Protein backbone atom coordinates (compact mmCIF):
# COMPACT_ATOMS: atom_id res chain seq x y z
CA MET A 1 29.40 -55.54 -38.80
CA ASN A 2 28.14 -53.58 -34.93
CA ILE A 3 27.76 -55.44 -31.46
CA ILE A 4 24.21 -57.15 -32.46
CA GLU A 5 25.06 -58.32 -35.80
CA ALA A 6 28.88 -59.67 -34.46
CA ILE A 7 26.64 -61.73 -31.46
CA ASP A 8 24.08 -62.66 -33.28
CA HIS A 9 26.30 -64.47 -36.33
CA GLN A 10 28.09 -66.38 -33.21
CA ILE A 11 24.75 -67.24 -31.79
CA GLY A 12 23.90 -68.97 -34.99
CA GLU A 13 26.88 -70.79 -35.37
CA VAL A 14 26.39 -72.80 -32.01
CA ARG A 15 23.64 -75.66 -31.85
CA THR A 16 22.78 -77.05 -28.81
CA GLU A 17 19.33 -78.60 -27.91
CA SER A 18 18.49 -79.05 -24.37
CA ILE A 19 16.09 -82.26 -23.77
CA ASP A 20 15.05 -84.15 -20.25
CA MET A 21 16.13 -87.97 -20.75
CA SER A 22 15.33 -90.41 -18.10
CA VAL A 23 17.46 -91.90 -16.17
CA GLY A 24 15.95 -96.02 -18.24
CA GLU A 25 16.23 -93.90 -21.04
CA ILE A 26 20.31 -93.43 -20.58
CA ILE A 27 20.79 -96.78 -19.34
CA SER A 28 19.12 -97.82 -23.05
CA LEU A 29 20.85 -95.94 -25.23
CA HIS A 30 24.14 -96.98 -23.96
CA LYS A 31 23.54 -100.47 -23.57
CA GLN A 32 22.88 -99.77 -27.79
CA GLN A 33 26.04 -98.00 -27.64
CA GLU A 34 24.61 -94.84 -28.72
CA ILE A 35 25.87 -93.14 -25.76
CA ILE A 36 29.54 -93.70 -25.46
CA ILE A 37 31.71 -93.65 -22.04
CA GLN A 38 35.41 -93.40 -23.29
CA PRO A 39 36.14 -97.44 -23.19
CA ASP A 40 39.20 -96.45 -20.17
CA PHE A 41 36.26 -97.04 -17.81
CA GLN A 42 37.91 -98.34 -13.84
CA ARG A 43 40.52 -95.37 -14.03
CA LEU A 44 37.79 -92.22 -14.29
CA PHE A 45 35.18 -93.66 -12.15
CA ARG A 46 36.39 -92.59 -8.38
CA TRP A 47 33.26 -91.62 -6.72
CA SER A 48 33.58 -93.61 -3.77
CA TRP A 49 30.02 -95.93 -2.70
CA GLN A 50 29.01 -93.35 -0.56
CA GLN A 51 28.85 -90.32 -3.41
CA ARG A 52 27.17 -92.88 -5.61
CA SER A 53 24.63 -94.07 -3.45
CA ARG A 54 23.81 -90.26 -2.59
CA LEU A 55 23.29 -89.67 -5.82
CA VAL A 56 20.23 -92.59 -6.28
CA GLU A 57 19.41 -91.11 -2.87
CA SER A 58 18.88 -87.84 -4.50
CA LEU A 59 17.16 -88.59 -7.43
CA LEU A 60 14.43 -90.40 -5.15
CA LEU A 61 13.76 -88.01 -3.18
CA GLU A 62 13.54 -86.10 -6.57
CA LEU A 63 16.48 -83.65 -5.28
CA PRO A 64 17.64 -81.50 -8.69
CA ILE A 65 21.42 -82.56 -9.60
CA PRO A 66 22.99 -81.11 -12.61
CA SER A 67 23.20 -81.50 -16.15
CA ILE A 68 24.96 -83.62 -18.64
CA PHE A 69 26.93 -82.25 -21.35
CA LEU A 70 27.03 -84.85 -24.66
CA ILE A 71 28.33 -84.11 -28.64
CA GLU A 72 26.69 -85.48 -31.10
CA LYS A 73 29.08 -86.96 -33.32
CA GLU A 74 29.23 -87.61 -37.34
CA ASN A 75 27.32 -90.46 -37.24
CA GLY A 76 24.53 -89.22 -35.07
CA VAL A 77 26.12 -91.43 -31.80
CA LEU A 78 26.17 -89.03 -28.25
CA GLU A 79 29.61 -89.30 -26.09
CA LEU A 80 29.32 -87.91 -22.83
CA ILE A 81 31.53 -85.28 -22.35
CA ASP A 82 30.73 -83.79 -18.64
CA GLY A 83 28.42 -85.98 -16.25
CA LEU A 84 30.13 -89.30 -16.19
CA GLN A 85 30.14 -89.48 -12.45
CA ARG A 86 26.18 -89.21 -12.24
CA VAL A 87 25.54 -91.28 -15.02
CA SER A 88 28.66 -93.93 -14.53
CA SER A 89 27.08 -94.24 -10.76
CA LEU A 90 23.31 -94.87 -12.25
CA LEU A 91 24.67 -97.88 -14.34
CA HIS A 92 26.33 -99.53 -11.10
CA PHE A 93 23.24 -99.34 -9.34
CA ILE A 94 20.62 -100.36 -11.81
CA ASP A 95 22.73 -102.47 -14.64
CA PRO A 96 26.46 -103.11 -12.94
CA ASP A 97 26.98 -105.71 -15.99
CA SER A 98 27.41 -102.70 -18.44
CA LEU A 99 30.30 -101.51 -16.37
CA ASN A 100 32.17 -105.18 -16.58
CA GLN A 101 31.73 -105.60 -20.51
CA ALA A 102 34.71 -103.77 -22.86
CA PRO A 103 32.93 -101.31 -24.60
CA GLN A 104 32.68 -102.75 -28.25
CA HIS A 105 32.76 -100.01 -31.02
CA ALA A 106 32.55 -102.28 -34.15
CA ASN A 107 29.87 -99.77 -35.52
CA LEU A 108 31.50 -96.37 -35.05
CA ASP A 109 35.00 -95.02 -36.86
CA MET A 110 38.18 -95.12 -34.36
CA ASP A 111 39.24 -91.61 -34.88
CA GLU A 112 35.87 -90.43 -32.78
CA VAL A 113 36.81 -92.91 -30.25
CA GLY A 114 39.18 -91.83 -27.78
CA GLU A 115 39.80 -91.24 -24.14
CA ILE A 116 38.40 -88.68 -21.70
CA GLN A 117 39.44 -88.77 -17.99
CA VAL A 118 37.29 -86.66 -15.72
CA ALA A 119 38.78 -86.32 -12.29
CA GLY A 120 36.03 -85.58 -9.27
CA GLU A 121 36.35 -86.23 -5.88
CA GLU A 122 39.02 -89.04 -4.49
CA ALA A 123 37.52 -92.08 -3.84
CA GLU A 124 37.57 -93.26 -0.30
CA ASP A 125 40.51 -95.63 0.69
CA GLU A 126 38.40 -98.94 0.85
CA GLU A 127 40.46 -102.31 0.11
CA SER A 128 37.32 -104.24 -0.94
CA GLU A 129 36.20 -101.76 -3.71
CA GLU A 130 40.30 -100.98 -5.52
CA SER A 131 39.91 -104.80 -5.13
CA GLU A 132 36.76 -105.03 -6.56
CA GLU A 133 36.96 -102.60 -9.70
CA SER A 134 40.79 -103.06 -10.09
CA GLU A 135 40.10 -106.57 -11.87
CA GLY A 136 36.67 -104.77 -13.99
CA MET A 137 34.18 -106.80 -11.71
CA TYR A 138 31.37 -104.31 -10.85
CA GLN A 139 29.04 -106.30 -8.44
CA PRO A 140 26.25 -104.20 -7.90
CA LEU A 141 25.91 -101.37 -6.09
CA ARG A 142 25.03 -101.94 -2.70
CA LEU A 143 23.53 -98.53 -1.16
CA GLU A 144 25.59 -97.04 2.16
CA GLY A 145 25.40 -93.62 3.37
CA CYS A 146 22.10 -92.60 2.65
CA GLU A 147 21.85 -90.06 5.20
CA LEU A 148 18.28 -88.47 4.62
CA VAL A 149 16.34 -92.15 4.12
CA THR A 150 18.59 -94.53 5.77
CA GLU A 151 16.75 -97.59 5.06
CA LEU A 152 17.66 -97.36 1.67
CA ASN A 153 21.11 -98.32 3.05
CA GLY A 154 22.24 -101.72 1.97
CA LEU A 155 19.46 -102.28 -0.58
CA ILE A 156 20.72 -103.07 -4.52
CA PHE A 157 18.36 -102.19 -7.30
CA ASP A 158 16.70 -105.44 -7.21
CA GLN A 159 15.84 -105.06 -3.52
CA LEU A 160 13.82 -101.55 -4.01
CA PRO A 161 10.15 -102.24 -4.03
CA LEU A 162 9.06 -101.92 -7.71
CA THR A 163 7.63 -97.84 -7.30
CA LEU A 164 10.73 -96.84 -6.13
CA ARG A 165 12.35 -98.55 -9.39
CA LEU A 166 10.09 -97.61 -11.98
CA ARG A 167 10.38 -94.13 -9.96
CA LEU A 168 14.07 -93.97 -10.47
CA LYS A 169 14.06 -94.98 -14.22
CA ARG A 170 11.58 -92.13 -14.81
CA THR A 171 13.50 -89.70 -12.85
CA PRO A 172 14.13 -87.18 -15.43
CA ILE A 173 17.86 -85.35 -16.40
CA ARG A 174 18.62 -82.11 -17.86
CA ALA A 175 21.07 -83.25 -20.91
CA VAL A 176 22.47 -80.34 -23.19
CA VAL A 177 22.92 -81.68 -26.27
CA ILE A 178 26.49 -79.94 -28.47
CA LYS A 179 24.81 -80.99 -32.12
CA ARG A 180 27.10 -82.07 -34.97
CA GLN A 181 26.26 -78.96 -36.72
CA SER A 182 27.97 -76.63 -34.66
CA SER A 183 31.24 -75.03 -35.21
CA GLN A 184 34.12 -76.73 -34.27
CA PHE A 185 35.81 -73.57 -32.69
CA LEU A 186 32.72 -73.01 -30.88
CA ARG A 187 32.22 -76.72 -29.54
CA TYR A 188 35.65 -76.00 -28.67
CA GLU A 189 35.14 -72.85 -26.49
CA MET A 190 31.77 -74.36 -24.63
CA PHE A 191 33.43 -76.48 -22.87
CA LYS A 192 36.87 -74.34 -22.48
CA ARG A 193 34.61 -71.92 -20.80
CA LEU A 194 31.99 -74.68 -19.13
CA ASN A 195 34.61 -76.54 -17.58
CA THR A 196 36.56 -72.90 -16.14
CA GLY A 197 36.54 -71.73 -12.88
CA GLY A 198 35.29 -74.23 -10.30
CA SER A 199 35.75 -77.38 -11.90
CA LYS A 200 37.35 -80.53 -11.13
CA LEU A 201 38.84 -81.44 -14.52
CA SER A 202 42.83 -80.90 -14.04
CA ASP A 203 44.11 -78.00 -17.05
CA GLN A 204 45.47 -81.37 -18.57
CA ASP A 205 41.94 -83.27 -18.93
CA ILE A 206 40.32 -80.36 -20.04
CA ARG A 207 42.94 -79.24 -23.26
CA ASN A 208 42.57 -83.49 -23.85
CA VAL A 209 38.51 -82.79 -23.95
CA ASN A 210 38.98 -79.74 -25.70
CA ALA A 211 41.44 -80.96 -28.79
CA ARG A 212 38.98 -83.97 -29.21
CA MET A 213 36.40 -81.11 -30.28
CA ILE A 214 38.46 -79.67 -33.20
CA GLY A 215 37.12 -83.43 -34.81
CA ARG A 216 40.15 -85.42 -36.25
CA ARG A 217 43.07 -82.72 -36.70
CA GLY A 218 42.29 -82.58 -32.40
CA THR A 219 41.62 -87.07 -31.45
CA ASP A 220 45.13 -87.09 -33.49
CA PHE A 221 46.70 -84.93 -31.45
CA TYR A 222 45.48 -86.26 -28.14
CA ARG A 223 46.82 -89.66 -29.74
CA ILE A 224 50.19 -88.43 -29.73
CA LEU A 225 50.16 -86.59 -26.46
CA MET A 226 49.34 -90.34 -25.14
CA ASP A 227 51.36 -92.41 -26.98
CA CYS A 228 54.54 -90.44 -25.94
CA ALA A 229 53.26 -90.94 -22.57
CA GLN A 230 53.32 -94.33 -23.01
CA PHE A 231 57.27 -93.67 -24.27
CA GLN A 232 59.58 -96.22 -22.31
CA GLN A 233 62.19 -93.85 -21.51
CA PHE A 234 60.44 -90.75 -21.46
CA LYS A 235 58.26 -92.98 -18.44
CA HIS A 236 61.83 -93.48 -17.11
CA THR A 237 62.99 -89.76 -16.13
CA ILE A 238 59.78 -89.54 -14.57
CA GLU A 239 59.24 -92.14 -12.25
CA PHE A 240 59.62 -89.41 -9.33
CA LEU A 241 56.36 -88.27 -10.97
CA SER A 242 53.42 -88.96 -7.95
CA PRO A 243 50.91 -91.55 -8.71
CA THR A 244 48.73 -88.41 -8.02
CA LEU A 245 49.86 -86.28 -10.80
CA ILE A 246 50.02 -88.80 -13.23
CA GLU A 247 46.13 -89.61 -12.62
CA ASN A 248 45.40 -86.36 -13.42
CA ARG A 249 47.39 -85.81 -16.83
CA ALA A 250 50.88 -84.31 -15.34
CA ASP A 251 52.60 -86.73 -17.36
CA GLU A 252 50.97 -85.56 -21.26
CA GLU A 253 50.74 -82.17 -19.55
CA LEU A 254 54.89 -82.12 -19.26
CA ILE A 255 54.90 -83.75 -22.96
CA LEU A 256 53.17 -80.67 -24.25
CA ARG A 257 55.11 -78.27 -22.18
CA PHE A 258 58.15 -79.80 -23.94
CA PHE A 259 57.10 -79.34 -27.36
CA ALA A 260 55.53 -75.86 -26.51
CA THR A 261 59.09 -74.85 -25.13
CA MET A 262 60.61 -76.25 -28.14
CA ASP A 263 58.67 -74.45 -30.69
CA PHE A 264 56.04 -71.67 -28.53
CA ARG A 265 58.50 -70.75 -26.40
CA ASN A 266 58.65 -67.00 -27.52
CA ASN A 267 54.62 -66.37 -26.70
CA PHE A 268 55.28 -67.81 -22.99
CA ARG A 269 54.07 -64.93 -21.32
CA GLY A 270 54.16 -65.70 -17.66
CA ASN A 271 51.13 -67.97 -16.88
CA VAL A 272 52.34 -71.72 -18.56
CA GLY A 273 48.28 -72.33 -18.26
CA ASP A 274 47.72 -69.72 -20.61
CA TRP A 275 50.95 -70.94 -22.99
CA LEU A 276 50.03 -74.17 -23.36
CA ASP A 277 46.47 -73.42 -23.90
CA ALA A 278 47.47 -71.43 -26.68
CA TYR A 279 49.77 -73.62 -28.01
CA MET A 280 47.46 -76.68 -28.69
CA GLU A 281 45.04 -73.87 -29.75
CA ALA A 282 47.85 -72.65 -32.46
CA ILE A 283 48.43 -76.86 -33.48
CA LEU A 284 44.77 -77.78 -33.76
CA ILE A 285 43.46 -74.18 -34.98
CA HIS A 286 45.92 -72.04 -36.66
CA ASN A 287 47.74 -74.96 -37.90
CA PHE A 288 50.57 -74.31 -36.20
CA PRO A 289 53.23 -76.46 -38.31
CA PHE A 290 53.43 -80.25 -35.73
CA GLY A 291 54.24 -84.21 -36.83
CA GLU A 292 56.51 -86.09 -37.27
CA GLU A 293 60.08 -84.34 -36.63
CA GLN A 294 59.23 -83.08 -33.37
CA ILE A 295 58.34 -86.29 -32.14
CA SER A 296 61.44 -87.56 -33.25
CA LYS A 297 62.92 -84.95 -31.41
CA PHE A 298 61.04 -85.74 -28.25
CA ARG A 299 61.94 -89.66 -28.80
CA ALA A 300 65.46 -89.01 -29.22
CA VAL A 301 66.05 -86.79 -26.58
CA PHE A 302 63.92 -88.64 -23.84
CA THR A 303 66.21 -91.14 -24.86
CA LEU A 304 69.23 -90.05 -24.84
CA LEU A 305 67.90 -88.54 -21.23
CA SER A 306 66.39 -92.00 -20.41
CA GLU A 307 70.96 -93.36 -21.24
CA LYS A 308 71.88 -90.55 -19.32
CA PHE A 309 69.91 -89.87 -15.91
CA GLY A 310 67.80 -92.76 -15.69
CA ALA A 311 65.13 -91.39 -12.85
CA ASN A 312 66.83 -88.39 -11.84
CA ALA A 313 66.94 -85.90 -14.68
CA PHE A 314 64.15 -83.66 -14.03
CA LEU A 315 65.04 -83.50 -9.69
CA LYS A 316 66.52 -80.93 -7.90
CA TYR A 317 70.12 -81.58 -6.26
CA ARG A 318 71.60 -80.44 -2.99
CA HIS A 319 75.56 -81.15 -2.96
CA GLY A 320 75.53 -83.25 -5.71
CA GLN A 321 72.66 -85.40 -4.82
CA PRO A 322 69.37 -85.44 -6.51
CA GLN A 323 66.77 -84.90 -4.09
CA GLY A 324 62.71 -84.52 -3.92
CA GLY A 325 60.45 -84.66 -7.31
CA VAL A 326 60.21 -83.15 -10.37
CA ALA A 327 60.29 -79.78 -11.19
CA PRO A 328 58.27 -78.22 -13.99
CA ALA A 329 60.96 -75.54 -14.51
CA TYR A 330 64.03 -77.55 -14.10
CA PHE A 331 61.92 -80.40 -16.90
CA GLU A 332 61.65 -78.09 -19.45
CA ALA A 333 65.50 -76.58 -19.31
CA VAL A 334 67.04 -79.83 -18.96
CA ALA A 335 64.91 -81.32 -21.81
CA ILE A 336 65.07 -78.77 -24.13
CA GLY A 337 69.01 -77.86 -22.85
CA ALA A 338 69.66 -81.83 -23.80
CA LEU A 339 68.56 -80.87 -27.03
CA ASN A 340 70.16 -77.91 -27.93
CA SER A 341 73.92 -79.51 -27.71
CA PHE A 342 72.34 -83.11 -27.91
CA ASN A 343 75.82 -83.99 -29.43
CA HIS A 344 78.12 -83.07 -26.58
CA LEU A 345 75.89 -84.98 -23.87
CA SER A 346 75.89 -87.57 -26.68
CA ASP A 347 79.21 -87.75 -25.79
CA LEU A 348 79.35 -87.55 -22.01
CA THR A 349 79.84 -90.80 -19.50
CA PRO A 350 76.38 -91.01 -17.52
CA GLU A 351 78.48 -90.04 -14.74
CA ARG A 352 79.73 -86.98 -16.17
CA ALA A 353 76.76 -86.03 -17.61
CA THR A 354 75.44 -86.39 -13.92
CA GLU A 355 78.27 -84.47 -12.47
CA LEU A 356 77.54 -81.13 -14.95
CA LEU A 357 73.84 -81.34 -14.19
CA SER A 358 74.18 -81.22 -10.71
CA GLN A 359 76.43 -78.66 -10.72
CA ALA A 360 74.06 -76.68 -13.14
CA VAL A 361 70.93 -76.55 -11.42
CA GLU A 362 72.60 -75.89 -7.99
CA SER A 363 74.79 -72.88 -9.36
CA ASP A 364 73.75 -69.43 -7.77
CA ALA A 365 72.98 -67.97 -11.55
CA PHE A 366 70.01 -71.13 -11.72
CA ARG A 367 69.15 -70.40 -8.52
CA ARG A 368 67.96 -67.01 -9.56
CA VAL A 369 65.93 -68.08 -12.15
CA THR A 370 63.82 -70.82 -10.85
CA GLY A 371 61.33 -70.57 -7.49
CA PRO A 372 58.80 -67.20 -7.36
CA GLY A 373 58.80 -65.01 -9.67
CA ALA A 374 60.61 -66.98 -12.32
CA ASN A 375 57.51 -67.54 -15.15
CA SER A 376 58.81 -64.83 -17.52
CA LEU A 377 60.52 -65.56 -20.83
CA PRO A 378 63.65 -64.31 -19.95
CA LYS A 379 63.90 -66.51 -16.87
CA LEU A 380 62.95 -69.23 -19.07
CA GLN A 381 65.16 -68.77 -21.83
CA LYS A 382 68.29 -67.82 -19.50
CA ARG A 383 67.50 -71.52 -17.21
CA ILE A 384 67.44 -73.51 -20.95
CA THR A 385 71.02 -70.97 -21.65
CA ILE A 386 72.61 -72.57 -18.59
CA ILE A 387 72.10 -76.56 -18.71
CA THR A 388 72.85 -76.35 -22.93
CA GLU A 389 76.31 -74.82 -21.70
CA ALA A 390 76.65 -77.23 -18.31
CA PHE A 391 76.03 -80.21 -21.29
CA ALA A 392 78.31 -78.02 -24.18
CA SER A 393 81.79 -77.16 -21.72
CA VAL A 394 83.24 -79.67 -22.74
């Protein structure tokens, strides 16, 4: 097959449709549950009221905005995969009641309904917004921060002149629909490339959505990561992970990192992101083994780490005292070291286990394989070996 035939073949595997949908049509389809925004809504909607207001102002001024992307599910329902902040802002302004109602997915295959976290700009620290939205109650968006048409400030949708209300609802937004007939792998690749470069999504956000592009296998794998992230003993060991990192799915990335270090370590080439991508793709696309055995090991290891070290499991130590936050390089070394020396560590008291851990991570040998330049397979292996031998030394 020559290069032209190869490209033509791949083009035939991607089926998309670009259409202009009016704002009113998008809102109507959302109300009829023909366009889905995943249910964990409050965690995702992070634009400030000023950002939401300026989007409305832009549309009224007929300024261009980026396209939204939707994926067509097997039952024909469209799921929003890019453009959450824009669509949510319009719903908040025009139809806030739709944000106060829990999504009803009775007519959907629940294996097709999951969770996407889109990391937009951080919301401004306004107590009124946080209080209102934390309770799930969205009052009508009152415009603020409009700089080009200041007369809009202070108005809600119903206070706009009829002409402007109709203009806004009739404003077209370009929507790219990834058709259900498209190759699953190329749907996956399309979203990954769409969110490469200047994306505001975290790496783990992108992986989570990419997983869902694969279909049920990907959805099931993503749910495993979410379930593991809620495992109480695991949460205990990462208590010092910052809320911002948790919001950007760092906890789920650590879980993926644990599984990858356990089973995919020899494929590490120095770039953690590429390695985790390759591991997930190996599972979802190339049938790399993953199942109950890995999940059982995860639960056993983090139950043990919680018992022996609690929230100090993955911290740096100085003069025998824990300090700082969760260090990823320490995480993989301690977690896999505990797995390798499970029986030895089980026999230690928490005090003795902590003493051995602090000695190991404060050693010159461990310091030489952490810090700048530590992202190599030999240094990864060495970190794990040091912790494994420390726990097995008695």
